[in-house]
PDB file of all heavy atoms in Angstrom:
ATOM      1  N   SER A   1     100.280 101.418  89.109  1.00  0.00           N
ATOM      2  CA  SER A   1      98.931 100.899  88.953  1.00  0.00           C
ATOM      3  C   SER A   1      98.053 101.985  88.341  1.00  0.00           C
ATOM      4  O   SER A   1      98.529 103.087  88.053  1.00  0.00           O
ATOM      5  CB  SER A   1      98.366 100.439  90.302  1.00  0.00           C
ATOM      6  OG  SER A   1      98.330 101.522  91.219  1.00  0.00           O
ATOM      7  N   THR A   2      96.785 101.656  88.143  1.00  0.00           N
ATOM      8  CA  THR A   2      95.880 102.617  87.530  1.00  0.00           C
ATOM      9  C   THR A   2      94.580 102.715  88.312  1.00  0.00           C
ATOM     10  O   THR A   2      94.116 101.750  88.906  1.00  0.00           O
ATOM     11  CB  THR A   2      95.542 102.230  86.073  1.00  0.00           C
ATOM     12  OG1 THR A   2      95.103 100.867  86.049  1.00  0.00           O
ATOM     13  CG2 THR A   2      96.728 102.402  85.170  1.00  0.00           C
ATOM     14  N   ALA A   3      94.002 103.903  88.273  1.00  0.00           N
ATOM     15  CA  ALA A   3      92.615 104.086  88.666  1.00  0.00           C
ATOM     16  C   ALA A   3      91.776 103.934  87.400  1.00  0.00           C
ATOM     17  O   ALA A   3      92.296 103.964  86.293  1.00  0.00           O
ATOM     18  CB  ALA A   3      92.426 105.465  89.281  1.00  0.00           C
ATOM     19  N   GLY A   4      90.476 103.794  87.588  1.00  0.00           N
ATOM     20  CA  GLY A   4      89.605 103.611  86.433  1.00  0.00           C
ATOM     21  C   GLY A   4      89.413 102.140  86.088  1.00  0.00           C
ATOM     22  O   GLY A   4      90.010 101.254  86.693  1.00  0.00           O
ATOM     23  N   GLY A   5      88.560 101.900  85.114  1.00  0.00           N
ATOM     24  CA  GLY A   5      88.258 100.539  84.700  1.00  0.00           C
ATOM     25  C   GLY A   5      86.780 100.245  84.824  1.00  0.00           C
ATOM     26  O   GLY A   5      85.939 101.153  84.735  1.00  0.00           O
ATOM     27  N   VAL A   6      86.446  98.982  85.050  1.00  0.00           N
ATOM     28  CA  VAL A   6      85.047  98.550  85.125  1.00  0.00           C
ATOM     29  C   VAL A   6      84.380  99.165  86.349  1.00  0.00           C
ATOM     30  O   VAL A   6      84.819  98.967  87.483  1.00  0.00           O
ATOM     31  CB  VAL A   6      84.955  97.014  85.184  1.00  0.00           C
ATOM     32  CG1 VAL A   6      83.503  96.563  85.341  1.00  0.00           C
ATOM     33  CG2 VAL A   6      85.576  96.390  83.934  1.00  0.00           C
ATOM     34  N   SER A   7      83.325  99.912  86.126  1.00  0.00           N
ATOM     35  CA  SER A   7      82.650 100.639  87.209  1.00  0.00           C
ATOM     36  C   SER A   7      81.879  99.695  88.117  1.00  0.00           C
ATOM     37  O   SER A   7      81.449  98.610  87.705  1.00  0.00           O
ATOM     38  CB  SER A   7      81.683 101.667  86.624  1.00  0.00           C
ATOM     39  OG  SER A   7      82.371 102.606  85.807  1.00  0.00           O
ATOM     40  N   GLN A   8      81.675 100.144  89.348  1.00  0.00           N
ATOM     41  CA  GLN A   8      80.934  99.328  90.303  1.00  0.00           C
ATOM     42  C   GLN A   8      79.528  99.034  89.798  1.00  0.00           C
ATOM     43  O   GLN A   8      79.004  97.932  90.016  1.00  0.00           O
ATOM     44  CB  GLN A   8      80.874 100.027  91.665  1.00  0.00           C
ATOM     45  CG  GLN A   8      80.145  99.221  92.733  1.00  0.00           C
ATOM     46  CD  GLN A   8      80.129  99.897  94.093  1.00  0.00           C
ATOM     47  OE1 GLN A   8      80.733 100.954  94.272  1.00  0.00           O
ATOM     48  NE2 GLN A   8      79.435  99.310  95.054  1.00  0.00           N
ATOM     49  N   ASN A   9      78.922 100.005  89.109  1.00  0.00           N
ATOM     50  CA  ASN A   9      77.557  99.786  88.643  1.00  0.00           C
ATOM     51  C   ASN A   9      77.481  98.886  87.416  1.00  0.00           C
ATOM     52  O   ASN A   9      76.389  98.621  86.895  1.00  0.00           O
ATOM     53  CB  ASN A   9      76.854 101.122  88.353  1.00  0.00           C
ATOM     54  CG  ASN A   9      77.528 101.923  87.250  1.00  0.00           C
ATOM     55  OD1 ASN A   9      78.473 101.468  86.619  1.00  0.00           O
ATOM     56  ND2 ASN A   9      77.043 103.139  87.030  1.00  0.00           N
ATOM     57  N   ALA A  10      78.636  98.380  86.953  1.00  0.00           N
ATOM     58  CA  ALA A  10      78.658  97.448  85.816  1.00  0.00           C
ATOM     59  C   ALA A  10      78.564  95.999  86.260  1.00  0.00           C
ATOM     60  O   ALA A  10      78.344  95.113  85.434  1.00  0.00           O
ATOM     61  CB  ALA A  10      79.932  97.644  84.994  1.00  0.00           C
ATOM     62  N   VAL A  11      78.750  95.761  87.562  1.00  0.00           N
ATOM     63  CA  VAL A  11      78.802  94.387  88.066  1.00  0.00           C
ATOM     64  C   VAL A  11      77.842  94.210  89.234  1.00  0.00           C
ATOM     65  O   VAL A  11      77.432  95.180  89.877  1.00  0.00           O
ATOM     66  CB  VAL A  11      80.235  93.999  88.514  1.00  0.00           C
ATOM     67  CG1 VAL A  11      81.191  94.005  87.333  1.00  0.00           C
ATOM     68  CG2 VAL A  11      80.735  94.946  89.610  1.00  0.00           C
ATOM     69  N   ASP A  12      77.491  92.942  89.507  1.00  0.00           N
ATOM     70  CA  ASP A  12      76.659  92.656  90.664  1.00  0.00           C
ATOM     71  C   ASP A  12      77.540  92.421  91.881  1.00  0.00           C
ATOM     72  O   ASP A  12      78.760  92.637  91.839  1.00  0.00           O
ATOM     73  CB  ASP A  12      75.721  91.480  90.384  1.00  0.00           C
ATOM     74  CG  ASP A  12      76.453  90.149  90.197  1.00  0.00           C
ATOM     75  OD1 ASP A  12      77.682  90.077  90.447  1.00  0.00           O
ATOM     76  OD2 ASP A  12      75.800  89.164  89.803  1.00  0.00           O
ATOM     77  N   ASN A  13      76.965  91.954  92.959  1.00  0.00           N
ATOM     78  CA  ASN A  13      77.733  91.761  94.186  1.00  0.00           C
ATOM     79  C   ASN A  13      78.789  90.669  94.075  1.00  0.00           C
ATOM     80  O   ASN A  13      79.690  90.596  94.916  1.00  0.00           O
ATOM     81  CB  ASN A  13      76.782  91.451  95.354  1.00  0.00           C
ATOM     82  CG  ASN A  13      75.943  92.651  95.755  1.00  0.00           C
ATOM     83  OD1 ASN A  13      76.317  93.799  95.502  1.00  0.00           O
ATOM     84  ND2 ASN A  13      74.794  92.398  96.371  1.00  0.00           N
ATOM     85  N   GLY A  14      78.675  89.814  93.068  1.00  0.00           N
ATOM     86  CA  GLY A  14      79.674  88.771  92.838  1.00  0.00           C
ATOM     87  C   GLY A  14      80.688  89.142  91.782  1.00  0.00           C
ATOM     88  O   GLY A  14      81.452  88.283  91.322  1.00  0.00           O
ATOM     89  N   LEU A  15      80.688  90.419  91.360  1.00  0.00           N
ATOM     90  CA  LEU A  15      81.592  90.942  90.320  1.00  0.00           C
ATOM     91  C   LEU A  15      81.280  90.370  88.942  1.00  0.00           C
ATOM     92  O   LEU A  15      82.158  90.328  88.068  1.00  0.00           O
ATOM     93  CB  LEU A  15      83.067  90.702  90.687  1.00  0.00           C
ATOM     94  CG  LEU A  15      83.540  91.375  91.978  1.00  0.00           C
ATOM     95  CD1 LEU A  15      85.021  91.073  92.237  1.00  0.00           C
ATOM     96  CD2 LEU A  15      83.328  92.887  91.927  1.00  0.00           C
ATOM     97  N   MET A  16      80.034  89.959  88.726  1.00  0.00           N
ATOM     98  CA  MET A  16      79.610  89.512  87.403  1.00  0.00           C
ATOM     99  C   MET A  16      79.050  90.693  86.617  1.00  0.00           C
ATOM    100  O   MET A  16      78.283  91.503  87.149  1.00  0.00           O
ATOM    101  CB  MET A  16      78.536  88.420  87.511  1.00  0.00           C
ATOM    102  CG  MET A  16      78.101  87.854  86.168  1.00  0.00           C
ATOM    103  SD  MET A  16      76.953  86.456  86.331  1.00  0.00           S
ATOM    104  CE  MET A  16      75.459  87.319  86.890  1.00  0.00           C
ATOM    105  N   LEU A  17      79.453  90.793  85.348  1.00  0.00           N
ATOM    106  CA  LEU A  17      78.941  91.856  84.486  1.00  0.00           C
ATOM    107  C   LEU A  17      77.434  91.691  84.336  1.00  0.00           C
ATOM    108  O   LEU A  17      76.957  90.628  83.918  1.00  0.00           O
ATOM    109  CB  LEU A  17      79.611  91.813  83.122  1.00  0.00           C
ATOM    110  CG  LEU A  17      81.094  92.188  83.066  1.00  0.00           C
ATOM    111  CD1 LEU A  17      81.661  91.936  81.673  1.00  0.00           C
ATOM    112  CD2 LEU A  17      81.309  93.648  83.469  1.00  0.00           C
ATOM    113  N   THR A  18      76.686  92.732  84.632  1.00  0.00           N
ATOM    114  CA  THR A  18      75.232  92.626  84.543  1.00  0.00           C
ATOM    115  C   THR A  18      74.767  92.514  83.096  1.00  0.00           C
ATOM    116  O   THR A  18      73.702  91.950  82.842  1.00  0.00           O
ATOM    117  CB  THR A  18      74.563  93.835  85.213  1.00  0.00           C
ATOM    118  OG1 THR A  18      75.093  95.047  84.659  1.00  0.00           O
ATOM    119  CG2 THR A  18      74.827  93.823  86.719  1.00  0.00           C
ATOM    120  N   CYS A  19      75.563  93.025  82.164  1.00  0.00           N
ATOM    121  CA  CYS A  19      75.166  92.951  80.755  1.00  0.00           C
ATOM    122  C   CYS A  19      75.639  91.662  80.085  1.00  0.00           C
ATOM    123  O   CYS A  19      75.276  91.399  78.939  1.00  0.00           O
ATOM    124  CB  CYS A  19      75.673  94.166  79.983  1.00  0.00           C
ATOM    125  SG  CYS A  19      77.470  94.239  79.799  1.00  0.00           S
ATOM    126  N   ARG A  20      76.479  90.859  80.798  1.00  0.00           N
ATOM    127  CA  ARG A  20      76.932  89.582  80.246  1.00  0.00           C
ATOM    128  C   ARG A  20      76.938  88.537  81.358  1.00  0.00           C
ATOM    129  O   ARG A  20      77.978  88.277  81.967  1.00  0.00           O
ATOM    130  CB  ARG A  20      78.329  89.697  79.624  1.00  0.00           C
ATOM    131  CG  ARG A  20      78.377  90.480  78.321  1.00  0.00           C
ATOM    132  CD  ARG A  20      79.609  90.112  77.514  1.00  0.00           C
ATOM    133  NE  ARG A  20      79.523  88.788  76.969  1.00  0.00           N
ATOM    134  CZ  ARG A  20      79.073  88.501  75.741  1.00  0.00           C
ATOM    135  NH1 ARG A  20      78.625  89.469  74.967  1.00  0.00           N
ATOM    136  NH2 ARG A  20      79.046  87.262  75.299  1.00  0.00           N
ATOM    137  N   PRO A  21      75.791  87.950  81.660  1.00  0.00           N
ATOM    138  CA  PRO A  21      75.739  86.926  82.707  1.00  0.00           C
ATOM    139  C   PRO A  21      76.749  85.804  82.432  1.00  0.00           C
ATOM    140  O   PRO A  21      76.902  85.359  81.297  1.00  0.00           O
ATOM    141  CB  PRO A  21      74.295  86.406  82.619  1.00  0.00           C
ATOM    142  CG  PRO A  21      73.520  87.558  82.063  1.00  0.00           C
ATOM    143  CD  PRO A  21      74.459  88.221  81.087  1.00  0.00           C
ATOM    144  N   GLY A  22      77.444  85.407  83.504  1.00  0.00           N
ATOM    145  CA  GLY A  22      78.458  84.368  83.373  1.00  0.00           C
ATOM    146  C   GLY A  22      79.859  84.901  83.152  1.00  0.00           C
ATOM    147  O   GLY A  22      80.815  84.132  83.129  1.00  0.00           O
ATOM    148  N   THR A  23      79.998  86.231  83.015  1.00  0.00           N
ATOM    149  CA  THR A  23      81.315  86.850  82.851  1.00  0.00           C
ATOM    150  C   THR A  23      81.612  87.726  84.064  1.00  0.00           C
ATOM    151  O   THR A  23      80.833  88.624  84.394  1.00  0.00           O
ATOM    152  CB  THR A  23      81.381  87.702  81.569  1.00  0.00           C
ATOM    153  OG1 THR A  23      81.169  86.866  80.434  1.00  0.00           O
ATOM    154  CG2 THR A  23      82.746  88.363  81.431  1.00  0.00           C
ATOM    155  N   PHE A  24      82.730  87.459  84.715  1.00  0.00           N
ATOM    156  CA  PHE A  24      83.119  88.137  85.946  1.00  0.00           C
ATOM    157  C   PHE A  24      84.401  88.935  85.716  1.00  0.00           C
ATOM    158  O   PHE A  24      85.183  88.633  84.812  1.00  0.00           O
ATOM    159  CB  PHE A  24      83.338  87.104  87.065  1.00  0.00           C
ATOM    160  CG  PHE A  24      82.117  86.287  87.379  1.00  0.00           C
ATOM    161  CD1 PHE A  24      81.713  85.240  86.553  1.00  0.00           C
ATOM    162  CD2 PHE A  24      81.367  86.558  88.510  1.00  0.00           C
ATOM    163  CE1 PHE A  24      80.578  84.485  86.839  1.00  0.00           C
ATOM    164  CE2 PHE A  24      80.227  85.812  88.811  1.00  0.00           C
ATOM    165  CZ  PHE A  24      79.832  84.776  87.973  1.00  0.00           C
ATOM    166  N   CYS A  25      84.630  89.936  86.538  1.00  0.00           N
ATOM    167  CA  CYS A  25      85.834  90.761  86.442  1.00  0.00           C
ATOM    168  C   CYS A  25      86.524  90.814  87.804  1.00  0.00           C
ATOM    169  O   CYS A  25      85.873  90.746  88.844  1.00  0.00           O
ATOM    170  CB  CYS A  25      85.496  92.183  85.985  1.00  0.00           C
ATOM    171  SG  CYS A  25      84.795  92.278  84.335  1.00  0.00           S
ATOM    172  N   ALA A  26      87.857  90.969  87.776  1.00  0.00           N
ATOM    173  CA  ALA A  26      88.612  90.990  89.032  1.00  0.00           C
ATOM    174  C   ALA A  26      89.895  91.786  88.865  1.00  0.00           C
ATOM    175  O   ALA A  26      90.349  92.054  87.753  1.00  0.00           O
ATOM    176  CB  ALA A  26      88.936  89.557  89.479  1.00  0.00           C
ATOM    177  N   GLY A  27      90.480  92.137  90.007  1.00  0.00           N
ATOM    178  CA  GLY A  27      91.792  92.786  90.021  1.00  0.00           C
ATOM    179  C   GLY A  27      91.743  94.226  89.564  1.00  0.00           C
ATOM    180  O   GLY A  27      90.756  94.945  89.775  1.00  0.00           O
ATOM    181  N   GLU A  28      92.813  94.649  88.915  1.00  0.00           N
ATOM    182  CA  GLU A  28      92.933  96.049  88.503  1.00  0.00           C
ATOM    183  C   GLU A  28      92.043  96.419  87.337  1.00  0.00           C
ATOM    184  O   GLU A  28      91.997  97.584  86.938  1.00  0.00           O
ATOM    185  CB  GLU A  28      94.397  96.371  88.169  1.00  0.00           C
ATOM    186  CG  GLU A  28      95.275  96.579  89.378  1.00  0.00           C
ATOM    187  CD  GLU A  28      96.607  97.189  88.996  1.00  0.00           C
ATOM    188  OE1 GLU A  28      96.625  98.356  88.571  1.00  0.00           O
ATOM    189  OE2 GLU A  28      97.628  96.484  89.099  1.00  0.00           O
ATOM    190  N   MET A  29      91.329  95.463  86.765  1.00  0.00           N
ATOM    191  CA  MET A  29      90.323  95.813  85.758  1.00  0.00           C
ATOM    192  C   MET A  29      89.193  96.622  86.381  1.00  0.00           C
ATOM    193  O   MET A  29      88.518  97.380  85.688  1.00  0.00           O
ATOM    194  CB  MET A  29      89.749  94.552  85.118  1.00  0.00           C
ATOM    195  CG  MET A  29      90.636  93.892  84.085  1.00  0.00           C
ATOM    196  SD  MET A  29      89.798  92.530  83.241  1.00  0.00           S
ATOM    197  CE  MET A  29      88.538  93.413  82.308  1.00  0.00           C
ATOM    198  N   LEU A  30      88.981  96.445  87.670  1.00  0.00           N
ATOM    199  CA  LEU A  30      87.911  97.146  88.366  1.00  0.00           C
ATOM    200  C   LEU A  30      88.343  98.562  88.740  1.00  0.00           C
ATOM    201  O   LEU A  30      89.528  98.831  88.922  1.00  0.00           O
ATOM    202  CB  LEU A  30      87.525  96.374  89.630  1.00  0.00           C
ATOM    203  CG  LEU A  30      87.061  94.925  89.421  1.00  0.00           C
ATOM    204  CD1 LEU A  30      86.946  94.218  90.756  1.00  0.00           C
ATOM    205  CD2 LEU A  30      85.742  94.875  88.665  1.00  0.00           C
ATOM    206  N   ASP A  31      87.373  99.443  88.885  1.00  0.00           N
ATOM    207  CA  ASP A  31      87.656 100.857  89.174  1.00  0.00           C
ATOM    208  C   ASP A  31      87.885 101.076  90.663  1.00  0.00           C
ATOM    209  O   ASP A  31      86.982 101.465  91.401  1.00  0.00           O
ATOM    210  CB  ASP A  31      86.501 101.725  88.674  1.00  0.00           C
ATOM    211  CG  ASP A  31      86.743 103.202  88.942  1.00  0.00           C
ATOM    212  OD1 ASP A  31      87.921 103.605  89.112  1.00  0.00           O
ATOM    213  OD2 ASP A  31      85.757 103.974  88.996  1.00  0.00           O
ATOM    214  N   TRP A  32      89.106 100.812  91.114  1.00  0.00           N
ATOM    215  CA  TRP A  32      89.536 101.113  92.476  1.00  0.00           C
ATOM    216  C   TRP A  32      91.030 101.389  92.421  1.00  0.00           C
ATOM    217  O   TRP A  32      91.704 101.070  91.436  1.00  0.00           O
ATOM    218  CB  TRP A  32      89.257  99.947  93.434  1.00  0.00           C
ATOM    219  CG  TRP A  32      89.928  98.658  93.057  1.00  0.00           C
ATOM    220  CD1 TRP A  32      89.449  97.701  92.208  1.00  0.00           C
ATOM    221  CD2 TRP A  32      91.230  98.201  93.479  1.00  0.00           C
ATOM    222  NE1 TRP A  32      90.368  96.677  92.077  1.00  0.00           N
ATOM    223  CE2 TRP A  32      91.461  96.949  92.847  1.00  0.00           C
ATOM    224  CE3 TRP A  32      92.211  98.723  94.319  1.00  0.00           C
ATOM    225  CZ2 TRP A  32      92.628  96.213  93.043  1.00  0.00           C
ATOM    226  CZ3 TRP A  32      93.377  97.985  94.507  1.00  0.00           C
ATOM    227  CH2 TRP A  32      93.574  96.744  93.870  1.00  0.00           C
ATOM    228  N   GLU A  33      91.557 101.956  93.455  1.00  0.00           N
ATOM    229  CA  GLU A  33      92.996 102.159  93.551  1.00  0.00           C
ATOM    230  C   GLU A  33      93.401 102.112  95.014  1.00  0.00           C
ATOM    231  O   GLU A  33      92.578 102.298  95.913  1.00  0.00           O
ATOM    232  CB  GLU A  33      93.427 103.485  92.929  1.00  0.00           C
ATOM    233  CG  GLU A  33      92.828 104.714  93.596  1.00  0.00           C
ATOM    234  CD  GLU A  33      93.287 106.004  92.915  1.00  0.00           C
ATOM    235  OE1 GLU A  33      94.510 106.215  92.795  1.00  0.00           O
ATOM    236  OE2 GLU A  33      92.399 106.801  92.516  1.00  0.00           O
ATOM    237  N   ALA A  34      94.665 101.843  95.238  1.00  0.00           N
ATOM    238  CA  ALA A  34      95.202 101.764  96.592  1.00  0.00           C
ATOM    239  C   ALA A  34      96.691 102.031  96.529  1.00  0.00           C
ATOM    240  O   ALA A  34      97.326 101.798  95.495  1.00  0.00           O
ATOM    241  CB  ALA A  34      94.940 100.381  97.197  1.00  0.00           C
ATOM    242  N   PRO A  35      97.267 102.514  97.620  1.00  0.00           N
ATOM    243  CA  PRO A  35      98.721 102.720  97.624  1.00  0.00           C
ATOM    244  C   PRO A  35      99.470 101.402  97.656  1.00  0.00           C
ATOM    245  O   PRO A  35      98.923 100.354  97.991  1.00  0.00           O
ATOM    246  CB  PRO A  35      98.952 103.525  98.907  1.00  0.00           C
ATOM    247  CG  PRO A  35      97.800 103.164  99.792  1.00  0.00           C
ATOM    248  CD  PRO A  35      96.641 102.939  98.881  1.00  0.00           C
ATOM    249  N   THR A  36     100.742 101.468  97.302  1.00  0.00           N
ATOM    250  CA  THR A  36     101.604 100.317  97.483  1.00  0.00           C
ATOM    251  C   THR A  36     101.803 100.096  98.986  1.00  0.00           C
ATOM    252  O   THR A  36     101.347 100.878  99.800  1.00  0.00           O
ATOM    253  CB  THR A  36     102.965 100.548  96.809  1.00  0.00           C
ATOM    254  OG1 THR A  36     103.552 101.748  97.347  1.00  0.00           O
ATOM    255  CG2 THR A  36     102.815 100.716  95.305  1.00  0.00           C
ATOM    256  N   GLY A  37     102.478  99.030  99.332  1.00  0.00           N
ATOM    257  CA  GLY A  37     102.668  98.739 100.741  1.00  0.00           C
ATOM    258  C   GLY A  37     101.869  97.532 101.186  1.00  0.00           C
ATOM    259  O   GLY A  37     101.648  97.331 102.375  1.00  0.00           O
ATOM    260  N   GLY A  38     101.404  96.738 100.200  1.00  0.00           N
ATOM    261  CA  GLY A  38     100.642  95.544 100.491  1.00  0.00           C
ATOM    262  C   GLY A  38      99.159  95.672 100.213  1.00  0.00           C
ATOM    263  O   GLY A  38      98.460  94.673 100.068  1.00  0.00           O
ATOM    264  N   TYR A  39      98.659  96.906 100.122  1.00  0.00           N
ATOM    265  CA  TYR A  39      97.234  97.120  99.886  1.00  0.00           C
ATOM    266  C   TYR A  39      96.829  96.695  98.479  1.00  0.00           C
ATOM    267  O   TYR A  39      95.808  96.033  98.274  1.00  0.00           O
ATOM    268  CB  TYR A  39      96.876  98.587 100.113  1.00  0.00           C
ATOM    269  CG  TYR A  39      97.275  99.096 101.475  1.00  0.00           C
ATOM    270  CD1 TYR A  39      98.368  99.939 101.644  1.00  0.00           C
ATOM    271  CD2 TYR A  39      96.564  98.711 102.611  1.00  0.00           C
ATOM    272  CE1 TYR A  39      98.742 100.393 102.885  1.00  0.00           C
ATOM    273  CE2 TYR A  39      96.930  99.159 103.873  1.00  0.00           C
ATOM    274  CZ  TYR A  39      98.027  99.998 104.000  1.00  0.00           C
ATOM    275  OH  TYR A  39      98.400 100.433 105.251  1.00  0.00           O
ATOM    276  N   LEU A  40      97.628  97.090  97.511  1.00  0.00           N
ATOM    277  CA  LEU A  40      97.321  96.820  96.110  1.00  0.00           C
ATOM    278  C   LEU A  40      97.257  95.319  95.840  1.00  0.00           C
ATOM    279  O   LEU A  40      96.293  94.809  95.266  1.00  0.00           O
ATOM    280  CB  LEU A  40      98.388  97.490  95.240  1.00  0.00           C
ATOM    281  CG  LEU A  40      98.132  97.607  93.744  1.00  0.00           C
ATOM    282  CD1 LEU A  40      96.921  98.486  93.476  1.00  0.00           C
ATOM    283  CD2 LEU A  40      99.363  98.200  93.063  1.00  0.00           C
ATOM    284  N   LEU A  41      98.269  94.587  96.270  1.00  0.00           N
ATOM    285  CA  LEU A  41      98.321  93.154  96.002  1.00  0.00           C
ATOM    286  C   LEU A  41      97.231  92.410  96.769  1.00  0.00           C
ATOM    287  O   LEU A  41      96.583  91.504  96.228  1.00  0.00           O
ATOM    288  CB  LEU A  41      99.698  92.600  96.361  1.00  0.00           C
ATOM    289  CG  LEU A  41      99.908  91.097  96.112  1.00  0.00           C
ATOM    290  CD1 LEU A  41      99.553  90.706  94.684  1.00  0.00           C
ATOM    291  CD2 LEU A  41     101.347  90.698  96.429  1.00  0.00           C
ATOM    292  N   THR A  42      96.993  92.779  98.018  1.00  0.00           N
ATOM    293  CA  THR A  42      95.947  92.122  98.798  1.00  0.00           C
ATOM    294  C   THR A  42      94.598  92.255  98.111  1.00  0.00           C
ATOM    295  O   THR A  42      93.827  91.284  98.021  1.00  0.00           O
ATOM    296  CB  THR A  42      95.877  92.698 100.217  1.00  0.00           C
ATOM    297  OG1 THR A  42      97.109  92.426 100.894  1.00  0.00           O
ATOM    298  CG2 THR A  42      94.726  92.080 101.005  1.00  0.00           C
TER     299      THR A  42
END
């Protein structure tokens, strides 16, 4: 997996891009990471 991607300050609380209303982001596109073992997929 990867760290990096769409920053938290790029989206609102619903994961919608603040610069493009109506466009949302999810999954590994977002800037977070987690170990394997069920955390990543959850």
